[in-house]
N, C-alpha and C. Protein backbone atom coordinates (compact mmCIF):
# COMPACT_ATOMS: atom_id res chain seq x y z
N UNK A 1 8.40 23.07 6.08
CA UNK A 1 7.68 23.16 4.72
C UNK A 1 6.81 21.82 4.98
N UNK A 2 5.64 21.89 4.00
CA UNK A 2 4.64 20.67 4.29
C UNK A 2 5.14 19.71 3.43
N UNK A 3 5.01 18.51 3.75
CA UNK A 3 5.44 17.37 2.19
C UNK A 3 3.95 17.31 2.12
N UNK A 4 3.75 17.24 0.35
CA UNK A 4 2.67 17.63 -0.17
C UNK A 4 2.95 16.02 -1.00
N UNK A 5 1.36 15.62 -1.46
CA UNK A 5 1.30 14.67 -2.63
C UNK A 5 0.45 15.36 -3.50
N UNK A 6 0.92 15.03 -4.91
CA UNK A 6 0.42 15.66 -5.72
C UNK A 6 -0.53 14.78 -6.64
N UNK A 7 -1.59 14.51 -6.46
CA UNK A 7 -2.10 13.31 -7.43
C UNK A 7 -2.39 14.08 -8.86
N UNK A 8 -2.18 13.41 -9.92
CA UNK A 8 -2.78 14.08 -11.24
C UNK A 8 -2.98 12.63 -11.89
N UNK A 9 -3.38 13.35 -13.43
CA UNK A 9 -3.16 12.00 -14.42
C UNK A 9 -2.21 12.23 -15.37
N UNK A 10 -1.62 11.58 -15.93
CA UNK A 10 -0.15 11.84 -16.92
C UNK A 10 -0.37 12.91 -17.62
N UNK A 11 -1.73 12.96 -18.45
CA UNK A 11 -1.68 13.96 -18.89
C UNK A 11 -1.80 15.33 -18.50
N UNK A 12 -1.34 15.73 -17.44
CA UNK A 12 -1.27 16.87 -16.55
C UNK A 12 -0.09 17.17 -15.88
N UNK A 13 1.05 16.18 -16.28
CA UNK A 13 2.07 16.32 -15.92
C UNK A 13 2.81 17.90 -16.09
N UNK A 14 2.23 18.31 -17.33
CA UNK A 14 3.19 19.70 -17.13
C UNK A 14 2.92 21.08 -16.27
N UNK A 15 1.47 20.96 -15.82
CA UNK A 15 0.64 21.25 -14.64
C UNK A 15 1.53 21.03 -12.94
N UNK A 16 1.45 19.76 -13.24
CA UNK A 16 2.29 19.46 -11.78
C UNK A 16 3.51 19.86 -11.53
N UNK A 17 4.34 19.84 -13.03
CA UNK A 17 5.47 20.22 -13.05
C UNK A 17 5.78 22.08 -12.77
N UNK A 18 5.04 22.62 -13.28
CA UNK A 18 4.92 24.05 -13.30
C UNK A 18 4.90 24.36 -11.43
N UNK A 19 3.43 23.40 -10.79
CA UNK A 19 3.09 23.71 -9.75
C UNK A 19 4.82 23.42 -8.65
N UNK A 20 4.92 21.96 -8.89
CA UNK A 20 6.23 21.86 -8.18
C UNK A 20 7.48 22.93 -8.10
N UNK A 21 7.77 23.66 -9.45
CA UNK A 21 8.61 24.34 -9.63
C UNK A 21 8.29 25.54 -9.12
N UNK A 22 7.31 25.98 -8.79
CA UNK A 22 6.76 27.36 -8.12
C UNK A 22 6.77 27.02 -6.68
N UNK A 23 6.42 25.60 -6.34
CA UNK A 23 6.62 25.76 -4.65
C UNK A 23 8.55 25.60 -4.30
N UNK A 24 9.04 25.17 -5.26
CA UNK A 24 10.46 24.82 -4.80
C UNK A 24 11.02 26.21 -5.14
N UNK A 25 10.77 27.23 -5.53
CA UNK A 25 11.14 28.40 -5.92
C UNK A 25 11.00 29.62 -4.60
N UNK A 26 9.71 29.09 -4.12
CA UNK A 26 9.21 29.75 -3.03
C UNK A 26 9.46 29.51 -1.59
N UNK A 27 9.75 28.04 -1.65
CA UNK A 27 10.14 27.10 -0.58
C UNK A 27 8.84 27.02 0.22
N UNK A 28 7.63 26.72 -0.78
CA UNK A 28 6.42 26.95 -0.24
C UNK A 28 5.87 25.05 0.15
N UNK A 29 6.36 24.03 -0.18
CA UNK A 29 6.38 23.08 0.13
C UNK A 29 7.65 21.75 -1.00
N UNK A 30 7.49 20.73 0.27
CA UNK A 30 7.94 19.38 -0.49
C UNK A 30 7.42 18.42 -1.35
N UNK A 31 7.62 18.11 -2.34
CA UNK A 31 6.74 17.18 -3.09
C UNK A 31 7.44 15.91 -2.67
N UNK A 32 6.10 15.17 -1.96
CA UNK A 32 6.61 13.87 -1.58
C UNK A 32 5.65 13.40 -2.03
N UNK A 33 5.41 11.91 -2.19
CA UNK A 33 4.39 10.81 -2.39
C UNK A 33 3.99 10.02 -1.25
N UNK A 34 5.00 9.75 -0.07
CA UNK A 34 4.56 8.68 0.78
C UNK A 34 4.95 10.10 2.30
N UNK A 35 3.80 9.28 3.22
CA UNK A 35 4.23 10.44 4.34
C UNK A 35 3.84 11.74 4.37
N UNK A 36 2.85 12.28 3.58
CA UNK A 36 2.26 13.57 3.38
C UNK A 36 1.64 14.35 4.19
N UNK A 37 1.77 15.53 4.46
CA UNK A 37 0.73 16.39 5.15
C UNK A 37 -0.46 17.02 4.75
N UNK A 38 -0.39 17.06 3.09
CA UNK A 38 -1.53 17.75 2.76
C UNK A 38 -1.49 17.10 1.14
N UNK A 39 -2.46 17.06 0.66
CA UNK A 39 -3.14 16.15 -1.03
C UNK A 39 -4.01 17.75 -1.56
N UNK A 40 -2.78 17.66 -2.89
CA UNK A 40 -3.56 18.25 -4.09
C UNK A 40 -4.00 17.67 -5.35
N UNK A 41 -4.74 18.16 -5.50
CA UNK A 41 -5.48 17.27 -6.83
C UNK A 41 -5.18 18.15 -7.96
N UNK A 42 -5.14 17.72 -8.95
CA UNK A 42 -5.00 18.43 -10.22
C UNK A 42 -5.55 17.92 -11.40
N UNK A 43 -6.78 18.79 -11.75
CA UNK A 43 -7.93 18.18 -12.54
C UNK A 43 -8.34 18.96 -13.36
N UNK A 44 -7.95 19.21 -14.80
CA UNK A 44 -7.61 19.80 -15.62
C UNK A 44 -8.87 19.37 -16.71
N UNK A 45 -9.31 20.25 -17.62
CA UNK A 45 -10.40 19.85 -18.41
C UNK A 45 -10.24 18.85 -19.26
N UNK A 46 -8.56 18.72 -19.69
CA UNK A 46 -8.34 17.27 -20.75
C UNK A 46 -8.21 16.09 -19.61
N UNK A 47 -8.80 16.15 -18.50
CA UNK A 47 -8.20 15.08 -17.57
C UNK A 47 -9.03 13.77 -17.54
N UNK A 48 -9.39 12.89 -17.66
CA UNK A 48 -10.31 11.46 -17.83
C UNK A 48 -10.39 11.83 -16.16
N UNK A 49 -11.22 11.62 -15.89
CA UNK A 49 -11.97 11.54 -14.39
C UNK A 49 -12.20 9.87 -14.43
N UNK A 50 -11.55 9.20 -13.42
CA UNK A 50 -11.50 8.06 -13.26
C UNK A 50 -11.34 7.55 -11.99
N UNK A 51 -11.52 6.33 -11.58
CA UNK A 51 -11.05 5.75 -10.31
C UNK A 51 -9.72 5.76 -9.90
N UNK A 52 -8.95 6.10 -10.88
CA UNK A 52 -7.36 5.99 -10.35
C UNK A 52 -7.29 7.54 -9.48
N UNK A 53 -8.10 8.58 -10.21
CA UNK A 53 -8.02 9.73 -8.92
C UNK A 53 -8.87 9.62 -8.35
N UNK A 54 -9.62 9.51 -7.96
CA UNK A 54 -10.42 8.92 -6.94
C UNK A 54 -9.90 7.60 -6.05
N UNK A 55 -9.09 6.91 -6.20
CA UNK A 55 -8.57 6.15 -5.20
C UNK A 55 -7.15 6.87 -4.63
N UNK A 56 -6.68 7.54 -5.54
CA UNK A 56 -5.36 8.17 -4.83
C UNK A 56 -5.88 9.23 -3.92
N UNK A 57 -6.92 10.22 -3.83
CA UNK A 57 -7.42 11.33 -3.31
C UNK A 57 -8.16 10.12 -1.82
N UNK A 58 -8.35 9.23 -2.09
CA UNK A 58 -9.20 8.54 -0.67
C UNK A 58 -8.23 7.61 0.33
N UNK A 59 -7.16 7.28 -0.52
CA UNK A 59 -5.83 6.69 0.25
C UNK A 59 -5.15 7.77 1.09
N UNK A 60 -5.01 8.82 0.42
CA UNK A 60 -4.66 9.90 1.37
C UNK A 60 -5.22 10.69 2.51
N UNK A 61 -6.36 10.30 2.53
CA UNK A 61 -7.32 11.04 3.60
C UNK A 61 -7.33 9.92 4.66
N UNK A 62 -7.02 8.71 4.47
CA UNK A 62 -7.01 7.59 5.57
C UNK A 62 -5.95 7.92 6.69
């Protein structure tokens, strides 16, 4: 399974929790914050777009 970093705003925690629950149930990926192979970015309508999301994403692309 791939190790995945999930970037999200704290307002989007329920979406992240559902994604991780689904992934664990179907053995799709492992939720990890370091040394990852894949990055997911959760952006919902109420997500405040800001520097943090940009920083999280660019940091995983290096």
